[in-house]
Amino acid sequence: MVAERHVEEAADVIVYVDALQDIGDGNDSTLGWTVTACMALAHRHLRSMDRVGIVGRSTGLRWLEPSLGRRARHTIVDTLLATTTLPVVGLVQSIDPLPIPRNATVLAVSPLLSTEAVDDLIRLRRRGHDVVAVRPDSLPTGEVSETARRIFRVENEITRRRLADAGVLVVPWDPSTALEPVIRRLSASRGRATAGRRPGR
């Protein structure tokens, strides 16, 4: 299950963490699901000897340069566990100045509820990055009405189409099920894209 590669062949993977909004409570919330999925994605790619970086989007931006190894794993885990949602005051910091490596793949985890997160992903795609968004495909139980859920589904479909038009793939994930099949699908998609970019192909 693990791709063994030399360090010089490592790819750059940026995990985008959407902490702009949080619906629910504790682990049964959009932020809890996001952090869980980001942790799994980071671990998978670190095991595969990819360099993994983090873009944390909340009131401002948290940026971790792509790196690999045990120290990178500890730093990423600490960063993800410290993720919180804060009220946005004033202008939202632009993602444009971040020094994301040119060939990096961006793996985002986001409920796609905020315009800022959607705009970030479109900007990253326009910069030439392969961008995939894992979207928790439901809302937490208990505190959201059925009307709100219907609106959520309609707005998510509109957002998905907007992202698809920009070249961003949205992969739905039911948080009540295992994330592993989604990760395998993402890994297979990245493998095909990388093969298509090899010289001489």
N, C-alpha and C. Protein backbone atom coordinates (compact mmCIF):
# COMPACT_ATOMS: atom_id res chain seq x y z
N MET A 1 0.81 -1.21 0.00
CA MET A 1 0.00 0.00 0.00
C MET A 1 0.85 1.27 0.00
N VAL A 2 2.11 1.15 0.37
CA VAL A 2 2.97 2.33 0.48
C VAL A 2 3.92 2.41 -0.69
N ALA A 3 3.98 3.55 -1.35
CA ALA A 3 4.89 3.74 -2.48
C ALA A 3 6.26 4.12 -1.93
N GLU A 4 7.27 3.27 -2.16
CA GLU A 4 8.62 3.54 -1.71
C GLU A 4 9.38 4.28 -2.80
N ARG A 5 9.92 5.47 -2.46
CA ARG A 5 10.63 6.25 -3.45
C ARG A 5 11.86 6.86 -2.81
N HIS A 6 12.83 7.23 -3.63
CA HIS A 6 13.97 7.97 -3.13
C HIS A 6 13.54 9.39 -2.80
N VAL A 7 14.28 10.03 -1.89
CA VAL A 7 13.92 11.39 -1.46
C VAL A 7 13.87 12.35 -2.63
N GLU A 8 14.83 12.21 -3.57
CA GLU A 8 14.85 13.15 -4.69
C GLU A 8 13.64 12.99 -5.62
N GLU A 9 12.91 11.88 -5.48
CA GLU A 9 11.72 11.66 -6.30
C GLU A 9 10.44 12.05 -5.57
N ALA A 10 10.58 12.57 -4.35
CA ALA A 10 9.41 12.91 -3.56
C ALA A 10 8.61 14.03 -4.23
N ALA A 11 7.29 13.92 -4.12
CA ALA A 11 6.40 14.96 -4.63
C ALA A 11 6.05 15.92 -3.50
N ASP A 12 5.61 17.11 -3.87
CA ASP A 12 5.15 18.10 -2.90
C ASP A 12 3.62 18.05 -2.83
N VAL A 13 3.12 17.85 -1.64
CA VAL A 13 1.68 17.80 -1.40
C VAL A 13 1.33 18.84 -0.36
N ILE A 14 0.40 19.71 -0.68
CA ILE A 14 -0.05 20.74 0.25
C ILE A 14 -1.46 20.38 0.72
N VAL A 15 -1.63 20.23 2.02
CA VAL A 15 -2.94 19.94 2.60
C VAL A 15 -3.57 21.28 3.03
N TYR A 16 -4.69 21.59 2.43
CA TYR A 16 -5.41 22.84 2.72
C TYR A 16 -6.49 22.54 3.76
N VAL A 17 -6.40 23.24 4.89
CA VAL A 17 -7.31 23.01 6.02
C VAL A 17 -8.29 24.18 6.12
N ASP A 18 -9.55 23.93 5.86
CA ASP A 18 -10.57 24.98 5.93
C ASP A 18 -11.13 25.05 7.35
N ALA A 19 -10.70 26.09 8.09
CA ALA A 19 -11.21 26.30 9.45
C ALA A 19 -11.98 27.61 9.53
N LEU A 20 -12.56 28.03 8.42
CA LEU A 20 -13.28 29.29 8.38
C LEU A 20 -14.63 29.21 9.08
N GLN A 21 -15.25 28.03 9.03
CA GLN A 21 -16.55 27.86 9.67
C GLN A 21 -16.58 26.51 10.37
N ASP A 22 -17.43 26.41 11.39
CA ASP A 22 -17.60 25.14 12.09
C ASP A 22 -19.06 24.98 12.48
N ILE A 23 -19.65 23.88 12.03
CA ILE A 23 -21.03 23.56 12.38
C ILE A 23 -21.01 22.25 13.15
N GLY A 24 -21.67 22.24 14.30
CA GLY A 24 -21.68 21.04 15.12
C GLY A 24 -20.91 21.25 16.40
N ASP A 25 -20.58 20.14 17.05
CA ASP A 25 -19.92 20.23 18.36
C ASP A 25 -18.89 19.13 18.49
N GLY A 26 -17.67 19.52 18.90
CA GLY A 26 -16.62 18.54 19.15
C GLY A 26 -16.22 17.80 17.89
N ASN A 27 -16.06 16.48 18.01
CA ASN A 27 -15.67 15.67 16.86
C ASN A 27 -16.78 15.56 15.82
N ASP A 28 -18.05 15.71 16.28
CA ASP A 28 -19.17 15.65 15.35
C ASP A 28 -19.46 17.06 14.84
N SER A 29 -18.51 17.58 14.09
CA SER A 29 -18.64 18.93 13.54
C SER A 29 -17.85 18.99 12.25
N THR A 30 -18.14 20.00 11.44
CA THR A 30 -17.42 20.12 10.16
C THR A 30 -15.93 20.32 10.39
N LEU A 31 -15.55 21.07 11.45
CA LEU A 31 -14.13 21.27 11.72
C LEU A 31 -13.48 19.98 12.22
N GLY A 32 -14.19 19.24 13.09
CA GLY A 32 -13.66 17.97 13.56
C GLY A 32 -13.41 17.00 12.42
N TRP A 33 -14.36 16.92 11.50
CA TRP A 33 -14.19 16.04 10.33
C TRP A 33 -13.02 16.51 9.47
N THR A 34 -12.92 17.83 9.30
CA THR A 34 -11.84 18.38 8.47
C THR A 34 -10.47 18.03 9.04
N VAL A 35 -10.29 18.23 10.34
CA VAL A 35 -9.00 17.93 10.96
C VAL A 35 -8.68 16.44 10.86
N THR A 36 -9.67 15.59 11.08
CA THR A 36 -9.47 14.14 10.99
C THR A 36 -9.01 13.74 9.59
N ALA A 37 -9.69 14.28 8.58
CA ALA A 37 -9.35 13.93 7.19
C ALA A 37 -7.97 14.47 6.82
N CYS A 38 -7.66 15.70 7.25
CA CYS A 38 -6.34 16.28 6.95
C CYS A 38 -5.22 15.46 7.59
N MET A 39 -5.45 14.99 8.79
CA MET A 39 -4.46 14.16 9.47
C MET A 39 -4.21 12.89 8.68
N ALA A 40 -5.27 12.25 8.21
CA ALA A 40 -5.13 11.01 7.46
C ALA A 40 -4.40 11.24 6.14
N LEU A 41 -4.73 12.32 5.44
CA LEU A 41 -4.06 12.62 4.18
C LEU A 41 -2.58 12.90 4.39
N ALA A 42 -2.26 13.69 5.41
CA ALA A 42 -0.86 14.01 5.68
C ALA A 42 -0.07 12.75 6.02
N HIS A 43 -0.62 11.89 6.86
CA HIS A 43 0.07 10.65 7.24
C HIS A 43 0.30 9.76 6.03
N ARG A 44 -0.71 9.63 5.19
CA ARG A 44 -0.56 8.77 4.01
C ARG A 44 0.58 9.25 3.12
N HIS A 45 0.66 10.54 2.87
CA HIS A 45 1.67 11.04 1.95
C HIS A 45 3.06 11.09 2.59
N LEU A 46 3.13 11.30 3.89
CA LEU A 46 4.42 11.21 4.56
C LEU A 46 4.95 9.77 4.51
N ARG A 47 4.08 8.80 4.68
CA ARG A 47 4.49 7.39 4.58
C ARG A 47 4.97 7.06 3.18
N SER A 48 4.41 7.76 2.20
CA SER A 48 4.79 7.53 0.81
C SER A 48 6.01 8.34 0.40
N MET A 49 6.65 8.99 1.39
CA MET A 49 7.86 9.77 1.15
C MET A 49 7.60 11.01 0.29
N ASP A 50 6.41 11.56 0.39
CA ASP A 50 6.13 12.86 -0.20
C ASP A 50 6.48 13.94 0.82
N ARG A 51 6.84 15.12 0.33
CA ARG A 51 6.99 16.28 1.20
C ARG A 51 5.60 16.88 1.41
N VAL A 52 5.21 17.07 2.65
CA VAL A 52 3.86 17.54 2.96
C VAL A 52 3.94 18.90 3.63
N GLY A 53 3.14 19.83 3.12
CA GLY A 53 3.01 21.15 3.72
C GLY A 53 1.57 21.41 4.11
N ILE A 54 1.35 22.48 4.83
CA ILE A 54 0.01 22.81 5.33
C ILE A 54 -0.32 24.26 5.00
N VAL A 55 -1.53 24.47 4.49
CA VAL A 55 -2.12 25.81 4.45
C VAL A 55 -3.35 25.76 5.35
N GLY A 56 -3.29 26.44 6.47
CA GLY A 56 -4.43 26.51 7.38
C GLY A 56 -5.15 27.82 7.17
N ARG A 57 -6.41 27.74 6.79
CA ARG A 57 -7.19 28.95 6.52
C ARG A 57 -8.20 29.18 7.65
N SER A 58 -8.01 30.28 8.38
CA SER A 58 -8.98 30.71 9.38
C SER A 58 -9.04 32.23 9.29
N THR A 59 -8.92 32.93 10.41
CA THR A 59 -8.90 34.39 10.36
C THR A 59 -7.77 34.87 9.45
N GLY A 60 -6.62 34.21 9.57
CA GLY A 60 -5.49 34.49 8.69
C GLY A 60 -5.07 33.20 8.02
N LEU A 61 -3.79 33.10 7.69
CA LEU A 61 -3.25 31.91 7.04
C LEU A 61 -2.14 31.33 7.89
N ARG A 62 -2.11 30.03 8.01
CA ARG A 62 -1.00 29.32 8.64
C ARG A 62 -0.29 28.54 7.54
N TRP A 63 1.00 28.77 7.37
CA TRP A 63 1.74 28.15 6.28
C TRP A 63 2.90 27.33 6.83
N LEU A 64 2.96 26.05 6.49
CA LEU A 64 4.09 25.19 6.80
C LEU A 64 4.72 24.73 5.49
N GLU A 65 6.00 25.00 5.33
CA GLU A 65 6.72 24.57 4.14
C GLU A 65 6.67 23.05 4.00
N PRO A 66 6.59 22.53 2.77
CA PRO A 66 6.60 21.08 2.58
C PRO A 66 7.90 20.46 3.09
N SER A 67 7.77 19.39 3.85
CA SER A 67 8.93 18.67 4.35
C SER A 67 8.51 17.24 4.63
N LEU A 68 9.49 16.39 4.94
CA LEU A 68 9.18 14.99 5.23
C LEU A 68 9.98 14.53 6.44
N GLY A 69 9.67 13.34 6.91
CA GLY A 69 10.38 12.80 8.05
C GLY A 69 9.59 12.93 9.34
N ARG A 70 10.19 12.40 10.42
CA ARG A 70 9.52 12.35 11.71
C ARG A 70 9.24 13.75 12.27
N ARG A 71 10.19 14.66 12.11
CA ARG A 71 9.97 16.02 12.63
C ARG A 71 8.80 16.69 11.91
N ALA A 72 8.72 16.51 10.59
CA ALA A 72 7.60 17.08 9.84
C ALA A 72 6.28 16.50 10.33
N ARG A 73 6.26 15.19 10.60
CA ARG A 73 5.03 14.55 11.08
C ARG A 73 4.58 15.18 12.40
N HIS A 74 5.51 15.37 13.33
CA HIS A 74 5.14 15.95 14.62
C HIS A 74 4.64 17.38 14.46
N THR A 75 5.31 18.17 13.62
CA THR A 75 4.90 19.57 13.42
C THR A 75 3.51 19.64 12.79
N ILE A 76 3.26 18.79 11.81
CA ILE A 76 1.95 18.79 11.15
C ILE A 76 0.86 18.38 12.11
N VAL A 77 1.10 17.33 12.90
CA VAL A 77 0.10 16.89 13.88
C VAL A 77 -0.20 18.00 14.88
N ASP A 78 0.84 18.64 15.40
CA ASP A 78 0.63 19.73 16.36
C ASP A 78 -0.18 20.86 15.73
N THR A 79 0.13 21.19 14.48
CA THR A 79 -0.58 22.27 13.78
C THR A 79 -2.05 21.93 13.59
N LEU A 80 -2.32 20.70 13.18
CA LEU A 80 -3.70 20.31 12.93
C LEU A 80 -4.51 20.24 14.22
N LEU A 81 -3.90 19.72 15.28
CA LEU A 81 -4.62 19.62 16.55
C LEU A 81 -4.92 20.99 17.14
N ALA A 82 -4.13 22.00 16.77
CA ALA A 82 -4.34 23.35 17.28
C ALA A 82 -5.30 24.17 16.41
N THR A 83 -5.86 23.55 15.37
CA THR A 83 -6.74 24.27 14.45
C THR A 83 -8.02 24.71 15.15
N THR A 84 -8.34 25.97 15.03
CA THR A 84 -9.57 26.51 15.60
C THR A 84 -10.23 27.45 14.61
N THR A 85 -11.51 27.67 14.80
CA THR A 85 -12.26 28.63 13.99
C THR A 85 -12.42 29.92 14.78
N LEU A 86 -12.02 31.03 14.17
CA LEU A 86 -12.10 32.32 14.83
C LEU A 86 -12.96 33.26 13.98
N PRO A 87 -13.63 34.21 14.61
CA PRO A 87 -14.41 35.18 13.84
C PRO A 87 -13.52 35.96 12.87
N VAL A 88 -14.01 36.12 11.65
CA VAL A 88 -13.26 36.88 10.66
C VAL A 88 -13.53 38.37 10.87
N VAL A 89 -12.46 39.12 11.08
CA VAL A 89 -12.58 40.57 11.30
C VAL A 89 -11.79 41.28 10.22
N GLY A 90 -12.46 42.13 9.47
CA GLY A 90 -11.77 42.88 8.41
C GLY A 90 -11.54 42.01 7.18
N LEU A 91 -10.53 42.39 6.40
CA LEU A 91 -10.22 41.70 5.16
C LEU A 91 -9.58 40.34 5.45
N VAL A 92 -9.93 39.36 4.63
CA VAL A 92 -9.32 38.03 4.74
C VAL A 92 -7.99 38.05 3.99
N GLN A 93 -6.95 37.54 4.63
CA GLN A 93 -5.61 37.54 4.03
C GLN A 93 -5.60 36.74 2.73
N SER A 94 -4.95 37.28 1.71
CA SER A 94 -4.89 36.63 0.40
C SER A 94 -3.93 35.45 0.41
N ILE A 95 -4.29 34.41 -0.31
CA ILE A 95 -3.43 33.23 -0.41
C ILE A 95 -2.35 33.42 -1.47
N ASP A 96 -2.48 34.44 -2.29
CA ASP A 96 -1.58 34.61 -3.44
C ASP A 96 -0.10 34.66 -3.09
N PRO A 97 0.33 35.36 -2.00
CA PRO A 97 1.78 35.45 -1.76
C PRO A 97 2.43 34.17 -1.24
N LEU A 98 1.66 33.16 -0.87
CA LEU A 98 2.27 31.96 -0.28
C LEU A 98 3.23 31.30 -1.28
N PRO A 99 4.43 30.93 -0.83
CA PRO A 99 5.43 30.34 -1.74
C PRO A 99 5.21 28.86 -1.96
N ILE A 100 4.05 28.49 -2.47
CA ILE A 100 3.74 27.08 -2.71
C ILE A 100 4.54 26.59 -3.92
N PRO A 101 5.27 25.48 -3.80
CA PRO A 101 6.05 24.98 -4.94
C PRO A 101 5.22 24.82 -6.19
N ARG A 102 5.82 25.13 -7.32
CA ARG A 102 5.08 25.19 -8.59
C ARG A 102 4.36 23.89 -8.93
N ASN A 103 5.02 22.75 -8.69
CA ASN A 103 4.44 21.46 -9.08
C ASN A 103 3.68 20.78 -7.96
N ALA A 104 3.41 21.50 -6.88
CA ALA A 104 2.72 20.88 -5.74
C ALA A 104 1.27 20.57 -6.08
N THR A 105 0.81 19.44 -5.55
CA THR A 105 -0.60 19.09 -5.59
C THR A 105 -1.26 19.59 -4.32
N VAL A 106 -2.43 20.19 -4.45
CA VAL A 106 -3.16 20.71 -3.30
C VAL A 106 -4.33 19.77 -3.00
N LEU A 107 -4.32 19.22 -1.79
CA LEU A 107 -5.42 18.38 -1.32
C LEU A 107 -6.14 19.16 -0.22
N ALA A 108 -7.34 19.62 -0.53
CA ALA A 108 -8.10 20.43 0.42
C ALA A 108 -9.15 19.57 1.10
N VAL A 109 -9.40 19.88 2.36
CA VAL A 109 -10.54 19.30 3.06
C VAL A 109 -11.41 20.46 3.51
N SER A 110 -12.63 20.50 3.02
CA SER A 110 -13.48 21.66 3.26
C SER A 110 -14.95 21.31 3.05
N PRO A 111 -15.83 21.79 3.92
CA PRO A 111 -17.26 21.63 3.64
C PRO A 111 -17.75 22.56 2.55
N LEU A 112 -16.86 23.42 2.06
CA LEU A 112 -17.16 24.36 0.97
C LEU A 112 -18.34 25.27 1.32
N LEU A 113 -18.37 25.72 2.56
CA LEU A 113 -19.44 26.60 3.02
C LEU A 113 -19.08 28.07 2.94
N SER A 114 -17.78 28.37 2.77
CA SER A 114 -17.35 29.77 2.77
C SER A 114 -16.83 30.18 1.40
N THR A 115 -17.18 31.38 1.00
CA THR A 115 -16.71 31.92 -0.28
C THR A 115 -15.20 32.01 -0.30
N GLU A 116 -14.59 32.34 0.84
CA GLU A 116 -13.14 32.51 0.89
C GLU A 116 -12.42 31.21 0.54
N ALA A 117 -12.89 30.08 1.09
CA ALA A 117 -12.25 28.80 0.81
C ALA A 117 -12.39 28.43 -0.66
N VAL A 118 -13.57 28.62 -1.21
CA VAL A 118 -13.79 28.31 -2.62
C VAL A 118 -12.91 29.17 -3.50
N ASP A 119 -12.83 30.46 -3.19
CA ASP A 119 -11.97 31.36 -3.96
C ASP A 119 -10.50 30.95 -3.87
N ASP A 120 -10.07 30.51 -2.67
CA ASP A 120 -8.69 30.04 -2.52
C ASP A 120 -8.39 28.89 -3.48
N LEU A 121 -9.29 27.92 -3.54
CA LEU A 121 -9.05 26.74 -4.37
C LEU A 121 -9.01 27.10 -5.85
N ILE A 122 -9.86 28.02 -6.25
CA ILE A 122 -9.86 28.46 -7.64
C ILE A 122 -8.57 29.21 -7.96
N ARG A 123 -8.11 30.05 -7.06
CA ARG A 123 -6.85 30.77 -7.27
C ARG A 123 -5.68 29.79 -7.39
N LEU A 124 -5.66 28.78 -6.53
CA LEU A 124 -4.58 27.79 -6.58
C LEU A 124 -4.61 27.02 -7.89
N ARG A 125 -5.78 26.72 -8.38
CA ARG A 125 -5.89 26.02 -9.67
C ARG A 125 -5.40 26.92 -10.80
N ARG A 126 -5.73 28.19 -10.74
CA ARG A 126 -5.29 29.13 -11.78
C ARG A 126 -3.78 29.33 -11.75
N ARG A 127 -3.16 29.08 -10.61
CA ARG A 127 -1.70 29.14 -10.51
C ARG A 127 -1.04 27.90 -11.10
N GLY A 128 -1.85 26.94 -11.53
CA GLY A 128 -1.31 25.76 -12.20
C GLY A 128 -1.24 24.51 -11.35
N HIS A 129 -1.72 24.56 -10.10
CA HIS A 129 -1.67 23.39 -9.24
C HIS A 129 -2.82 22.44 -9.55
N ASP A 130 -2.56 21.14 -9.41
CA ASP A 130 -3.66 20.17 -9.36
C ASP A 130 -4.33 20.35 -8.01
N VAL A 131 -5.64 20.56 -8.01
CA VAL A 131 -6.37 20.82 -6.77
C VAL A 131 -7.54 19.84 -6.64
N VAL A 132 -7.57 19.15 -5.51
CA VAL A 132 -8.67 18.23 -5.21
C VAL A 132 -9.24 18.61 -3.85
N ALA A 133 -10.57 18.70 -3.77
CA ALA A 133 -11.22 19.04 -2.51
C ALA A 133 -12.01 17.85 -2.00
N VAL A 134 -11.68 17.38 -0.80
CA VAL A 134 -12.48 16.37 -0.12
C VAL A 134 -13.55 17.12 0.68
N ARG A 135 -14.81 16.83 0.37
CA ARG A 135 -15.92 17.57 0.99
C ARG A 135 -16.74 16.64 1.88
N PRO A 136 -16.74 16.88 3.21
CA PRO A 136 -17.68 16.14 4.05
C PRO A 136 -19.09 16.35 3.53
N ASP A 137 -19.75 15.25 3.17
CA ASP A 137 -20.97 15.34 2.38
C ASP A 137 -22.23 15.29 3.23
N SER A 138 -22.18 15.88 4.41
CA SER A 138 -23.36 15.93 5.27
C SER A 138 -23.14 17.02 6.31
N LEU A 139 -24.16 17.24 7.12
CA LEU A 139 -24.05 18.15 8.25
C LEU A 139 -24.20 17.35 9.54
N PRO A 140 -23.65 17.85 10.65
CA PRO A 140 -23.77 17.13 11.92
C PRO A 140 -25.22 16.90 12.29
N THR A 141 -25.47 15.82 13.01
CA THR A 141 -26.82 15.48 13.42
C THR A 141 -27.23 16.33 14.63
N GLY A 142 -28.53 16.51 14.77
CA GLY A 142 -29.05 17.05 16.03
C GLY A 142 -29.40 18.51 16.02
N GLU A 143 -28.61 19.37 15.37
CA GLU A 143 -28.87 20.80 15.53
C GLU A 143 -29.16 21.51 14.22
N VAL A 144 -29.33 20.76 13.14
CA VAL A 144 -29.57 21.36 11.84
C VAL A 144 -30.91 20.85 11.31
N SER A 145 -31.78 21.77 10.90
CA SER A 145 -33.11 21.39 10.43
C SER A 145 -33.03 20.75 9.05
N GLU A 146 -34.09 20.06 8.68
CA GLU A 146 -34.14 19.41 7.37
C GLU A 146 -34.12 20.46 6.26
N THR A 147 -34.76 21.61 6.49
CA THR A 147 -34.71 22.69 5.50
C THR A 147 -33.28 23.15 5.28
N ALA A 148 -32.54 23.32 6.37
CA ALA A 148 -31.14 23.73 6.25
C ALA A 148 -30.32 22.69 5.50
N ARG A 149 -30.64 21.41 5.71
CA ARG A 149 -29.91 20.36 5.00
C ARG A 149 -30.19 20.40 3.49
N ARG A 150 -31.43 20.68 3.14
CA ARG A 150 -31.76 20.78 1.70
C ARG A 150 -31.03 21.96 1.07
N ILE A 151 -31.01 23.09 1.77
CA ILE A 151 -30.29 24.26 1.26
C ILE A 151 -28.81 23.94 1.13
N PHE A 152 -28.27 23.23 2.13
CA PHE A 152 -26.86 22.82 2.11
C PHE A 152 -26.55 21.99 0.86
N ARG A 153 -27.42 21.03 0.54
CA ARG A 153 -27.18 20.17 -0.62
C ARG A 153 -27.24 20.95 -1.92
N VAL A 154 -28.21 21.87 -2.03
CA VAL A 154 -28.33 22.66 -3.25
C VAL A 154 -27.12 23.58 -3.42
N GLU A 155 -26.73 24.27 -2.35
CA GLU A 155 -25.59 25.18 -2.44
C GLU A 155 -24.30 24.42 -2.72
N ASN A 156 -24.17 23.22 -2.16
CA ASN A 156 -22.98 22.43 -2.42
C ASN A 156 -22.89 22.01 -3.88
N GLU A 157 -24.02 21.71 -4.48
CA GLU A 157 -24.00 21.33 -5.89
C GLU A 157 -23.61 22.53 -6.76
N ILE A 158 -24.13 23.71 -6.43
CA ILE A 158 -23.76 24.92 -7.18
C ILE A 158 -22.25 25.16 -7.04
N THR A 159 -21.73 25.02 -5.81
CA THR A 159 -20.30 25.22 -5.59
C THR A 159 -19.48 24.19 -6.33
N ARG A 160 -19.93 22.93 -6.31
CA ARG A 160 -19.19 21.87 -7.02
C ARG A 160 -19.08 22.19 -8.50
N ARG A 161 -20.15 22.67 -9.10
CA ARG A 161 -20.12 23.00 -10.52
C ARG A 161 -19.18 24.17 -10.79
N ARG A 162 -19.19 25.16 -9.89
CA ARG A 162 -18.28 26.29 -10.07
C ARG A 162 -16.83 25.82 -9.99
N LEU A 163 -16.52 24.97 -9.04
CA LEU A 163 -15.17 24.45 -8.92
C LEU A 163 -14.80 23.56 -10.11
N ALA A 164 -15.74 22.75 -10.56
CA ALA A 164 -15.48 21.89 -11.72
C ALA A 164 -15.17 22.73 -12.95
N ASP A 165 -15.89 23.83 -13.14
CA ASP A 165 -15.63 24.72 -14.27
C ASP A 165 -14.21 25.30 -14.19
N ALA A 166 -13.70 25.45 -12.96
CA ALA A 166 -12.35 26.00 -12.79
C ALA A 166 -11.28 24.91 -12.84
N GLY A 167 -11.70 23.64 -12.92
CA GLY A 167 -10.73 22.55 -12.98
C GLY A 167 -10.40 21.92 -11.64
N VAL A 168 -11.21 22.20 -10.61
CA VAL A 168 -11.00 21.63 -9.27
C VAL A 168 -11.93 20.43 -9.10
N LEU A 169 -11.35 19.27 -8.76
CA LEU A 169 -12.15 18.08 -8.53
C LEU A 169 -12.65 18.06 -7.09
N VAL A 170 -13.96 17.83 -6.92
CA VAL A 170 -14.56 17.72 -5.60
C VAL A 170 -14.93 16.26 -5.36
N VAL A 171 -14.38 15.69 -4.28
CA VAL A 171 -14.64 14.30 -3.94
C VAL A 171 -15.48 14.27 -2.66
N PRO A 172 -16.73 13.79 -2.73
CA PRO A 172 -17.55 13.74 -1.53
C PRO A 172 -17.10 12.63 -0.58
N TRP A 173 -17.24 12.89 0.71
CA TRP A 173 -16.91 11.90 1.73
C TRP A 173 -17.97 11.93 2.81
N ASP A 174 -18.56 10.78 3.09
CA ASP A 174 -19.53 10.65 4.17
C ASP A 174 -18.75 10.42 5.46
N PRO A 175 -18.75 11.39 6.40
CA PRO A 175 -17.94 11.24 7.62
C PRO A 175 -18.33 10.06 8.49
N SER A 176 -19.49 9.46 8.24
CA SER A 176 -19.87 8.28 9.01
C SER A 176 -19.21 7.01 8.47
N THR A 177 -18.49 7.13 7.37
CA THR A 177 -17.81 5.99 6.76
C THR A 177 -16.30 6.21 6.79
N ALA A 178 -15.55 5.16 6.49
CA ALA A 178 -14.09 5.24 6.51
C ALA A 178 -13.58 6.18 5.42
N LEU A 179 -12.49 6.85 5.72
CA LEU A 179 -11.88 7.76 4.75
C LEU A 179 -10.95 7.03 3.79
N GLU A 180 -10.50 5.83 4.14
CA GLU A 180 -9.50 5.13 3.36
C GLU A 180 -9.87 4.96 1.88
N PRO A 181 -11.11 4.57 1.53
CA PRO A 181 -11.44 4.47 0.10
C PRO A 181 -11.28 5.79 -0.65
N VAL A 182 -11.59 6.90 0.02
CA VAL A 182 -11.40 8.21 -0.61
C VAL A 182 -9.92 8.48 -0.83
N ILE A 183 -9.08 8.14 0.15
CA ILE A 183 -7.64 8.36 0.02
C ILE A 183 -7.08 7.51 -1.11
N ARG A 184 -7.54 6.26 -1.23
CA ARG A 184 -7.06 5.40 -2.33
C ARG A 184 -7.45 6.00 -3.67
N ARG A 185 -8.65 6.54 -3.75
CA ARG A 185 -9.09 7.16 -5.01
C ARG A 185 -8.23 8.37 -5.34
N LEU A 186 -7.91 9.18 -4.33
CA LEU A 186 -7.07 10.35 -4.56
C LEU A 186 -5.67 9.92 -4.99
N SER A 187 -5.12 8.89 -4.34
CA SER A 187 -3.78 8.42 -4.68
C SER A 187 -3.73 7.91 -6.11
N ALA A 188 -4.77 7.19 -6.53
CA ALA A 188 -4.82 6.69 -7.89
C ALA A 188 -4.91 7.83 -8.89
N SER A 189 -5.70 8.86 -8.56
CA SER A 189 -5.83 10.00 -9.46
C SER A 189 -4.51 10.74 -9.59
N ARG A 190 -3.80 10.92 -8.47
CA ARG A 190 -2.51 11.60 -8.52
C ARG A 190 -1.50 10.80 -9.31
N GLY A 191 -1.55 9.46 -9.16
CA GLY A 191 -0.62 8.62 -9.91
C GLY A 191 -0.82 8.74 -11.40
N ARG A 192 -2.07 8.79 -11.85
CA ARG A 192 -2.35 8.93 -13.28
C ARG A 192 -1.90 10.30 -13.77
N ALA A 193 -2.14 11.34 -12.96
CA ALA A 193 -1.75 12.70 -13.38
C ALA A 193 -0.23 12.80 -13.48
N THR A 194 0.48 12.21 -12.51
CA THR A 194 1.95 12.26 -12.54
C THR A 194 2.51 11.53 -13.74
N ALA A 195 1.92 10.37 -14.03
CA ALA A 195 2.39 9.61 -15.20
C ALA A 195 2.18 10.40 -16.48
N GLY A 196 1.07 11.14 -16.54
CA GLY A 196 0.80 11.92 -17.74
C GLY A 196 1.75 13.07 -17.94
N ARG A 197 2.47 13.49 -16.87
CA ARG A 197 3.39 14.61 -16.97
C ARG A 197 4.83 14.17 -17.18
N ARG A 198 5.10 12.86 -17.22
CA ARG A 198 6.46 12.41 -17.39
C ARG A 198 7.02 12.79 -18.75
N PRO A 199 8.30 13.15 -18.82
CA PRO A 199 8.90 13.52 -20.11
C PRO A 199 8.78 12.39 -21.10
N GLY A 200 8.46 12.77 -22.32
CA GLY A 200 8.41 11.78 -23.39
C GLY A 200 7.08 11.10 -23.53
N ARG A 201 6.13 11.38 -22.57
CA ARG A 201 4.83 10.77 -22.69
C ARG A 201 3.95 11.57 -23.63
